Amino acid sequence: SKLNIIDFVLFNQLASLPNVTVTQQQLKEWFPGAWVLALRSVASPAQPQFDHYYNTESKTSVVVVRGTKTVGDVVQDLYLWAPAGILQIISLVVPLIRLLPISVIRWLIMMASFEE
């Protein structure tokens, strides 16, 4: 069967559950049949948590990246989005985004993203 938007919302909720046992129980309730939790990444401050769900009958994979949940996630989001956000704020005064070629904008964001 095809997946719809509600299915993806439910998969997102599964990725937020506290442990693999609870996730597998809820997966069987919401998606009875051939869906399995193939992999849950180990959460760490340096890497996002993700789940890989697999349907053994249809050979369908769904990968869900858990959203912002902790203070560490908020800090990581700010670090990730700061260069693009700053460029957009500057563009309110000086329309850089409309004047510069995309290749230059990419280079600016890449340079701003490098760690010191």
Foldseek 3Di string as FASTA:
>chain_A
DDDDPVNVVVQQVLLPDDDQVVSQVVCCVVPPDQKDFPDWDDDDLVDFIKTWIARPPVRDIDIHTHADDDPSRVVVVCLVCVQVVVVVVVCVVPVCVVPDDPVVSVVSSVVVNDDD
